[in-house]
């Protein structure tokens, strides 16, 4: 481990970041010492590009000293943040890549120093490279388990990977050591919201508002969390309070309108239940409709059979029936051949094809 002291350079925050620590050793000996000290002074004055130049001279004077790479990498990262704030995305990208190269060199020269992994992991978080950041930060905590910076930035990486439960654990561990770090409450609330633990998330936002009641961001986030929990009556006052501080916030105004409409719908009386419509009774088919052609054919055959039976039963008896066949016999003498032919023709006309067979059979009978 390097014998180093920590100085803090106050900078504009990038995403969730508020300040950055530069790892420095005691005043180095040799030709690079003056350049190293001058680079630190320039960095404190936020002249990051000039500081990079001084750290580069220090590295040239002593390329085996890992402090030069650590300090120059941090200066590059600070310059990248300044470029982002100025809208210079190309300049920011170039400086971030230079910072990554310096931190990688730092790890190469001092592989047992946890700070190198922490610094590179922090830079990867800013670049939203969460998987490699998590690897570096885990390594840093393996080498130095109580590294609070590594714990906090690992929480950021876990947020980026939607590992909500792990993020909650890391931010809780950090808060236990740094209970005044308000940013960690905000990030933990986000992770709790991802776990749908809305009550705990609301508690964190409420704590932030106890420190600053006019914190518009905390008001809108708590209001949104209330909405997710379907507590629209609590979300509305938060949105209204935020709009008092910033009336031009259109997003908050739209969220307010949504919460108001959902609350009105929630409080509306339910409509009366519709009575079930009666089921129509199926109409019974008429007698005529229920008669099928098959039944008609059977009935005709039955009538013909009855006529034949009657014919057989009335042979040799006095005529007294109204049957068509018996009436024909009373008028015509069936003993003659022409009468038999006429009877067959009569049955054919009255009975159809099936009667033909019966008529043919009568030719065998002795009338």
Protein backbone atom coordinates (compact mmCIF):
# COMPACT_ATOMS: atom_id res chain seq x y z
CA UNK A 1 0.00 0.00 0.00
CA UNK A 2 1.17 3.47 -0.77
CA UNK A 3 1.90 5.86 2.05
CA UNK A 4 -0.51 8.59 1.00
CA UNK A 5 -2.72 11.33 2.24
CA UNK A 6 -6.13 12.25 0.87
CA UNK A 7 -7.14 15.67 -0.36
CA UNK A 8 -10.60 16.54 -1.63
CA UNK A 9 -11.24 18.52 -4.76
CA UNK A 10 -14.70 20.10 -4.77
CA UNK A 11 -16.29 19.86 -8.21
CA UNK A 12 -19.66 20.08 -9.86
CA UNK A 13 -21.49 16.81 -9.41
CA UNK A 14 -21.89 14.39 -12.29
CA UNK A 15 -24.97 12.19 -12.02
CA UNK A 16 -24.93 11.22 -8.34
CA UNK A 17 -21.38 12.34 -7.65
CA UNK A 18 -20.64 15.23 -5.32
CA UNK A 19 -16.90 15.14 -4.68
CA UNK A 20 -13.85 13.19 -5.66
CA UNK A 21 -10.79 12.20 -3.66
CA UNK A 22 -7.32 12.33 -5.13
CA UNK A 23 -4.82 9.94 -3.60
CA UNK A 24 -1.49 11.62 -2.94
CA UNK A 25 1.67 10.60 -1.20
CA UNK A 26 3.86 12.72 0.95
CA UNK A 27 5.88 15.16 -1.03
CA UNK A 28 7.90 12.93 -3.35
CA UNK A 29 11.62 13.07 -3.69
CA UNK A 30 13.38 13.36 -6.99
CA UNK A 31 12.86 15.45 -10.08
CA UNK A 32 9.11 14.86 -10.30
CA UNK A 33 8.29 16.22 -6.85
CA UNK A 34 7.78 19.80 -7.86
CA UNK A 35 5.60 18.86 -10.81
CA UNK A 36 3.45 16.63 -8.61
CA UNK A 37 2.91 19.41 -6.07
CA UNK A 38 2.20 21.96 -8.78
CA UNK A 39 -0.33 19.57 -10.37
CA UNK A 40 -2.17 19.24 -7.04
CA UNK A 41 -2.39 23.02 -6.68
CA UNK A 42 -3.76 23.42 -10.20
CA UNK A 43 -6.33 20.67 -9.62
CA UNK A 44 -7.52 22.41 -6.45
CA UNK A 45 -8.03 25.54 -8.56
CA UNK A 46 -10.01 23.45 -11.07
CA UNK A 47 -7.44 23.98 -13.82
CA UNK A 48 -7.62 20.32 -14.69
CA UNK A 49 -5.99 20.37 -18.12
CA UNK A 50 -3.02 22.31 -16.72
CA UNK A 51 -2.84 19.87 -13.81
CA UNK A 52 -2.69 16.98 -16.31
CA UNK A 53 0.37 18.61 -17.87
CA UNK A 54 2.18 18.81 -14.53
CA UNK A 55 1.33 15.22 -13.61
CA UNK A 56 2.58 14.09 -17.00
CA UNK A 57 5.98 15.71 -16.27
CA UNK A 58 6.04 13.98 -12.90
CA UNK A 59 5.37 10.62 -14.57
CA UNK A 60 8.15 11.23 -17.09
CA UNK A 61 10.52 11.95 -14.23
CA UNK A 62 9.51 8.80 -12.32
CA UNK A 63 7.44 6.33 -14.40
CA UNK A 64 7.45 3.70 -11.62
CA UNK A 65 5.63 5.98 -9.16
CA UNK A 66 1.91 4.97 -9.21
CA UNK A 67 0.90 8.29 -7.64
CA UNK A 68 1.50 10.12 -10.90
CA UNK A 69 -0.98 7.86 -12.76
CA UNK A 70 -3.53 8.08 -9.94
CA UNK A 71 -3.39 11.89 -9.84
CA UNK A 72 -3.37 12.37 -13.59
CA UNK A 73 -6.25 9.91 -14.00
CA UNK A 74 -8.27 11.85 -11.42
CA UNK A 75 -7.49 15.15 -13.15
CA UNK A 76 -8.61 13.67 -16.48
CA UNK A 77 -11.86 12.51 -14.89
CA UNK A 78 -12.48 15.95 -13.38
CA UNK A 79 -11.85 17.55 -16.76
CA UNK A 80 -14.32 15.07 -18.31
CA UNK A 81 -17.00 16.10 -15.83
CA UNK A 82 -16.39 19.76 -16.62
CA UNK A 83 -16.73 18.95 -20.33
CA UNK A 84 -20.04 17.18 -19.70
CA UNK A 85 -21.34 20.22 -17.82
CA UNK A 86 -20.30 22.41 -20.76
CA UNK A 87 -22.05 20.14 -23.27
CA UNK A 88 -18.78 18.97 -24.83
CA UNK A 89 -19.54 15.26 -25.16
CA UNK A 90 -16.60 14.55 -27.45
CA UNK A 91 -14.13 16.23 -25.08
CA UNK A 92 -15.66 14.36 -22.15
CA UNK A 93 -15.33 11.01 -23.90
CA UNK A 94 -11.67 11.61 -24.74
CA UNK A 95 -10.82 12.59 -21.17
CA UNK A 96 -12.73 9.66 -19.68
CA UNK A 97 -10.77 7.23 -21.84
CA UNK A 98 -7.52 8.84 -20.75
CA UNK A 99 -8.58 8.51 -17.12
CA UNK A 100 -9.36 4.82 -17.63
CA UNK A 101 -5.93 4.27 -19.16
CA UNK A 102 -4.20 5.98 -16.23
CA UNK A 103 -6.13 4.00 -13.60
CA UNK A 104 -5.34 0.77 -15.43
CA UNK A 105 -1.66 1.74 -15.35
CA UNK A 106 -2.02 2.53 -11.67
CA UNK A 107 -3.33 -1.03 -11.07
CA UNK A 108 -0.51 -2.47 -13.16
CA UNK A 109 2.17 -0.68 -11.13
CA UNK A 110 0.47 -1.26 -7.73
CA UNK A 111 -1.85 -4.32 -8.06
CA UNK A 112 -2.27 -4.66 -4.28
CA UNK A 113 -3.51 -1.09 -3.79
CA UNK A 114 -7.30 -1.02 -3.41
CA UNK A 115 -7.47 2.62 -4.50
CA UNK A 116 -6.61 1.80 -8.10
CA UNK A 117 -9.60 -0.52 -8.41
CA UNK A 118 -11.84 1.96 -6.61
CA UNK A 119 -10.85 4.83 -8.93
CA UNK A 120 -11.30 2.78 -12.09
CA UNK A 121 -14.61 1.36 -10.81
CA UNK A 122 -15.86 4.86 -10.04
CA UNK A 123 -14.99 6.00 -13.57
CA UNK A 124 -16.76 2.99 -15.06
CA UNK A 125 -19.88 3.83 -13.07
CA UNK A 126 -19.87 7.32 -14.58
CA UNK A 127 -19.57 5.72 -18.02
CA UNK A 128 -22.45 3.36 -17.14
CA UNK A 129 -20.19 0.35 -17.58
CA UNK A 130 -21.73 -1.32 -14.57
CA UNK A 131 -20.52 -4.90 -14.96
CA UNK A 132 -16.77 -4.12 -15.10
CA UNK A 133 -17.29 -1.46 -12.42
CA UNK A 134 -18.78 -4.08 -10.12
CA UNK A 135 -15.80 -6.34 -10.73
CA UNK A 136 -13.31 -3.59 -9.84
CA UNK A 137 -15.22 -2.43 -6.77
CA UNK A 138 -15.54 -5.98 -5.47
CA UNK A 139 -11.79 -6.34 -5.88
CA UNK A 140 -11.20 -3.10 -4.01
CA UNK A 141 -13.38 -4.30 -1.12
CA UNK A 142 -11.59 -7.62 -1.13
CA UNK A 143 -8.32 -5.75 -0.56
CA UNK A 144 -9.85 -3.18 1.77
CA UNK A 145 -13.25 -4.22 3.21
CA UNK A 146 -13.86 -0.91 5.00
CA UNK A 147 -13.38 1.26 1.88
CA UNK A 148 -16.51 3.42 2.12
CA UNK A 149 -16.01 4.97 -1.32
CA UNK A 150 -15.94 1.51 -2.87
CA UNK A 151 -19.08 0.51 -0.95
CA UNK A 152 -20.98 3.57 -2.11
CA UNK A 153 -19.98 3.28 -5.75
CA UNK A 154 -20.72 -0.43 -5.72
CA UNK A 155 -24.20 0.57 -4.66
CA UNK A 156 -24.38 2.83 -7.74
CA UNK A 157 -23.28 -0.04 -9.97
CA UNK A 158 -25.88 -2.34 -8.41
CA UNK A 159 -28.55 0.27 -9.07
CA UNK A 160 -27.50 0.37 -12.71
CA UNK A 161 -27.85 -3.43 -12.89
CA UNK A 162 -31.23 -3.38 -11.06
CA UNK A 163 -29.77 -5.42 -8.20
CA UNK A 164 -32.06 -3.63 -5.80
CA UNK A 165 -31.54 -5.75 -2.70
CA UNK A 166 -27.73 -5.53 -2.94
CA UNK A 167 -27.90 -1.78 -3.51
CA UNK A 168 -30.06 -1.36 -0.41
CA UNK A 169 -27.51 -3.32 1.62
CA UNK A 170 -24.56 -1.23 0.39
CA UNK A 171 -26.24 2.15 0.92
CA UNK A 172 -27.43 1.05 4.34
CA UNK A 173 -23.87 0.05 5.26
CA UNK A 174 -22.60 3.42 4.04
CA UNK A 175 -25.32 5.34 5.94
CA UNK A 176 -24.38 3.53 9.13
CA UNK A 177 -20.87 4.96 8.80
CA UNK A 178 -21.91 8.29 7.26
CA UNK A 179 -25.41 9.10 8.53
CA UNK A 180 -25.23 12.67 7.24
CA UNK A 181 -24.68 11.64 3.61
CA UNK A 182 -28.07 12.66 2.17
CA UNK A 183 -27.30 11.35 -1.28
CA UNK A 184 -27.17 7.79 0.05
CA UNK A 185 -30.73 8.10 1.44
CA UNK A 186 -31.93 9.20 -1.99
CA UNK A 187 -30.20 6.28 -3.74
CA UNK A 188 -31.42 3.79 -1.17
CA UNK A 189 -34.97 5.07 -1.62
CA UNK A 190 -34.68 4.37 -5.34
CA UNK A 191 -33.54 0.81 -4.67
CA UNK A 192 -36.37 0.29 -2.16
CA UNK A 193 -38.83 1.53 -4.76
CA UNK A 194 -37.42 -1.04 -7.18
CA UNK A 195 -38.21 -3.68 -4.55
CA UNK A 196 -41.74 -2.23 -4.28
CA UNK A 197 -41.04 -1.49 -0.61
CA UNK A 198 -42.83 1.81 -0.93
CA UNK A 199 -43.22 2.53 2.77
CA UNK A 200 -39.47 2.30 3.39
CA UNK A 201 -38.73 4.43 0.32
CA UNK A 202 -41.20 7.07 1.52
CA UNK A 203 -39.47 7.06 4.90
CA UNK A 204 -36.11 7.89 3.26
CA UNK A 205 -37.64 10.72 1.22
CA UNK A 206 -39.35 12.01 4.35
CA UNK A 207 -35.99 12.08 6.12
CA UNK A 208 -34.54 14.14 3.27
CA UNK A 209 -37.46 16.58 3.50
CA UNK A 210 -36.94 16.90 7.24
CA UNK A 211 -33.50 18.29 6.38
CA UNK A 212 -34.79 20.51 3.57
CA UNK A 213 -38.58 20.93 3.28
CA UNK A 214 -38.23 22.76 -0.04
CA UNK A 215 -36.23 19.99 -1.72
CA UNK A 216 -38.19 19.84 -4.98
CA UNK A 217 -36.55 16.62 -6.09
CA UNK A 218 -37.41 14.84 -2.84
CA UNK A 219 -40.99 16.16 -2.99
CA UNK A 220 -41.58 14.92 -6.52
CA UNK A 221 -39.93 11.57 -5.81
CA UNK A 222 -41.98 11.03 -2.68
CA UNK A 223 -45.13 12.06 -4.54
CA UNK A 224 -44.34 9.58 -7.29
CA UNK A 225 -43.73 6.85 -4.73
CA UNK A 226 -47.09 7.62 -3.11
CA UNK A 227 -48.69 7.23 -6.55
CA UNK A 228 -47.02 3.87 -7.06
CA UNK A 229 -48.48 2.81 -3.70
CA UNK A 230 -51.92 4.06 -4.92
CA UNK A 231 -51.92 6.68 -2.14
CA UNK A 232 -53.00 9.48 -4.46
CA UNK A 233 -54.36 11.60 -1.61
CA UNK A 234 -50.78 11.84 -0.25
CA UNK A 235 -49.12 12.29 -3.65
CA UNK A 236 -51.17 15.38 -4.52
CA UNK A 237 -49.88 17.62 -1.67
CA UNK A 238 -46.27 16.71 -2.53
CA UNK A 239 -46.74 17.63 -6.18
CA UNK A 240 -48.49 20.87 -5.22
CA UNK A 241 -45.67 21.80 -2.83
CA UNK A 242 -43.08 21.12 -5.53
CA UNK A 243 -44.98 23.30 -8.01
CA UNK A 244 -45.03 26.18 -5.53
CA UNK A 245 -41.25 26.14 -5.57
CA UNK A 246 -40.97 25.53 -9.31
CA UNK A 247 -44.24 26.38 -11.14
CA UNK A 248 -42.68 25.72 -14.55
CA UNK A 249 -42.07 22.02 -13.90
CA UNK A 250 -44.35 20.50 -16.55
CA UNK A 251 -43.55 16.90 -15.61
CA UNK A 252 -44.67 17.46 -12.03
CA UNK A 253 -47.81 19.23 -13.26
CA UNK A 254 -48.72 16.23 -15.40
CA UNK A 255 -48.12 13.87 -12.48
CA UNK A 256 -50.37 16.05 -10.34
CA UNK A 257 -53.17 15.87 -12.91
CA UNK A 258 -52.81 12.11 -13.12
CA UNK A 259 -52.96 11.71 -9.33
CA UNK A 260 -56.04 13.94 -9.14
CA UNK A 261 -57.85 11.99 -11.86
CA UNK A 262 -57.00 8.66 -10.25
CA UNK A 263 -58.16 9.89 -6.85
CA UNK A 264 -61.47 11.08 -8.35
CA UNK A 265 -61.95 7.70 -9.99
CA UNK A 266 -61.06 5.92 -6.76
CA UNK A 267 -63.61 7.97 -4.77
CA UNK A 268 -66.38 7.71 -7.36
CA UNK A 269 -69.37 5.57 -6.30
CA UNK A 270 -69.50 2.30 -8.18
CA UNK A 271 -72.23 2.08 -10.87
CA UNK A 272 -75.30 -0.08 -10.06
CA UNK A 273 -74.95 -3.67 -11.04
CA UNK A 274 -76.79 -4.45 -14.25
CA UNK A 275 -79.68 -6.91 -13.87
CA UNK A 276 -79.19 -10.08 -15.86
CA UNK A 277 -81.26 -10.25 -19.02
CA UNK A 278 -83.84 -13.08 -19.07
CA UNK A 279 -82.89 -16.11 -21.06
CA UNK A 280 -85.40 -16.61 -23.90
CA UNK A 281 -87.39 -19.82 -23.68
CA UNK A 282 -86.78 -21.93 -26.78
CA UNK A 283 -89.88 -22.25 -28.96
CA UNK A 284 -91.33 -25.72 -29.18
CA UNK A 285 -91.57 -27.04 -32.71
CA UNK A 286 -95.08 -27.40 -34.14
CA UNK A 287 -96.61 -30.81 -34.77
CA UNK A 288 -96.33 -30.41 -38.50
CA UNK A 289 -92.68 -29.35 -38.30
CA UNK A 290 -91.90 -32.41 -36.18
CA UNK A 291 -93.25 -34.81 -38.84
CA UNK A 292 -90.34 -36.06 -40.88
CA UNK A 293 -90.55 -37.59 -44.38
CA UNK A 294 -89.42 -40.92 -42.97
CA UNK A 295 -92.43 -41.01 -40.68
CA UNK A 296 -94.76 -40.24 -43.61
CA UNK A 297 -93.32 -43.12 -45.63
CA UNK A 298 -93.71 -45.53 -42.70
CA UNK A 299 -97.31 -44.43 -42.22
CA UNK A 300 -98.11 -45.13 -45.89
CA UNK A 301 -96.57 -48.58 -45.70
CA UNK A 302 -98.56 -49.35 -42.54
CA UNK A 303 -101.80 -48.28 -44.22
CA UNK A 304 -101.08 -50.51 -47.20
CA UNK A 305 -100.36 -53.48 -44.94
CA UNK A 306 -103.63 -52.85 -43.07
CA UNK A 307 -105.47 -52.76 -46.38
CA UNK A 308 -103.99 -56.12 -47.38
CA UNK A 309 -104.89 -57.65 -44.00
CA UNK A 310 -108.43 -56.38 -44.32
CA UNK A 311 -108.57 -57.87 -47.79
CA UNK A 312 -107.50 -61.23 -46.46
CA UNK A 313 -109.95 -61.13 -43.56
CA UNK A 314 -112.92 -60.20 -45.73
CA UNK A 315 -112.53 -62.96 -48.30
CA UNK A 316 -115.81 -64.82 -48.66
CA UNK A 317 -117.64 -62.57 -46.18
CA UNK A 318 -120.51 -60.22 -46.86
CA UNK A 319 -119.52 -56.79 -47.94
CA UNK A 320 -119.99 -54.21 -45.24
CA UNK A 321 -116.78 -52.29 -45.10
CA UNK A 322 -115.85 -48.96 -46.62
CA UNK A 323 -112.32 -50.05 -47.58
CA UNK A 324 -111.27 -49.04 -51.07
CA UNK A 325 -110.19 -52.57 -51.83
CA UNK A 326 -113.43 -54.15 -50.52
CA UNK A 327 -115.59 -51.58 -52.34
CA UNK A 328 -113.78 -52.35 -55.55
CA UNK A 329 -114.40 -56.05 -55.06
CA UNK A 330 -118.16 -55.47 -54.52
CA UNK A 331 -118.46 -53.78 -57.90
CA UNK A 332 -116.13 -55.82 -60.02
CA UNK A 333 -116.05 -59.53 -60.51
CA UNK A 334 -112.51 -60.51 -59.87
CA UNK A 335 -112.94 -63.90 -61.44
CA UNK A 336 -112.19 -62.44 -64.80
CA UNK A 337 -108.64 -61.63 -65.89
CA UNK A 338 -109.45 -58.15 -67.03
CA UNK A 339 -110.84 -57.38 -63.56
CA UNK A 340 -107.62 -58.47 -61.92
CA UNK A 341 -105.68 -56.20 -64.23
CA UNK A 342 -107.98 -53.31 -63.38
CA UNK A 343 -107.59 -53.92 -59.65
CA UNK A 344 -103.80 -53.89 -59.97
CA UNK A 345 -103.94 -50.68 -61.92
CA UNK A 346 -106.26 -49.19 -59.27
CA UNK A 347 -103.84 -50.09 -56.48
CA UNK A 348 -100.90 -48.76 -58.48
CA UNK A 349 -102.57 -45.40 -58.89
CA UNK A 350 -103.54 -45.17 -55.22
CA UNK A 351 -100.58 -46.74 -53.44
CA UNK A 352 -97.47 -45.96 -55.47
CA UNK A 353 -94.54 -48.26 -56.34
CA UNK A 354 -94.81 -50.34 -53.19
CA UNK A 355 -98.38 -51.33 -54.08
CA UNK A 356 -97.17 -52.74 -57.39
CA UNK A 357 -95.63 -55.64 -55.55
CA UNK A 358 -98.84 -56.23 -53.60
CA UNK A 359 -100.87 -55.98 -56.80
CA UNK A 360 -98.64 -58.54 -58.47
CA UNK A 361 -99.14 -60.87 -55.52
CA UNK A 362 -102.93 -60.72 -56.01
CA UNK A 363 -102.54 -62.38 -59.33
CA UNK A 364 -101.72 -65.57 -57.43
CA UNK A 365 -104.77 -65.33 -55.29
CA UNK A 366 -108.02 -67.17 -56.11
CA UNK A 367 -110.63 -64.41 -56.25
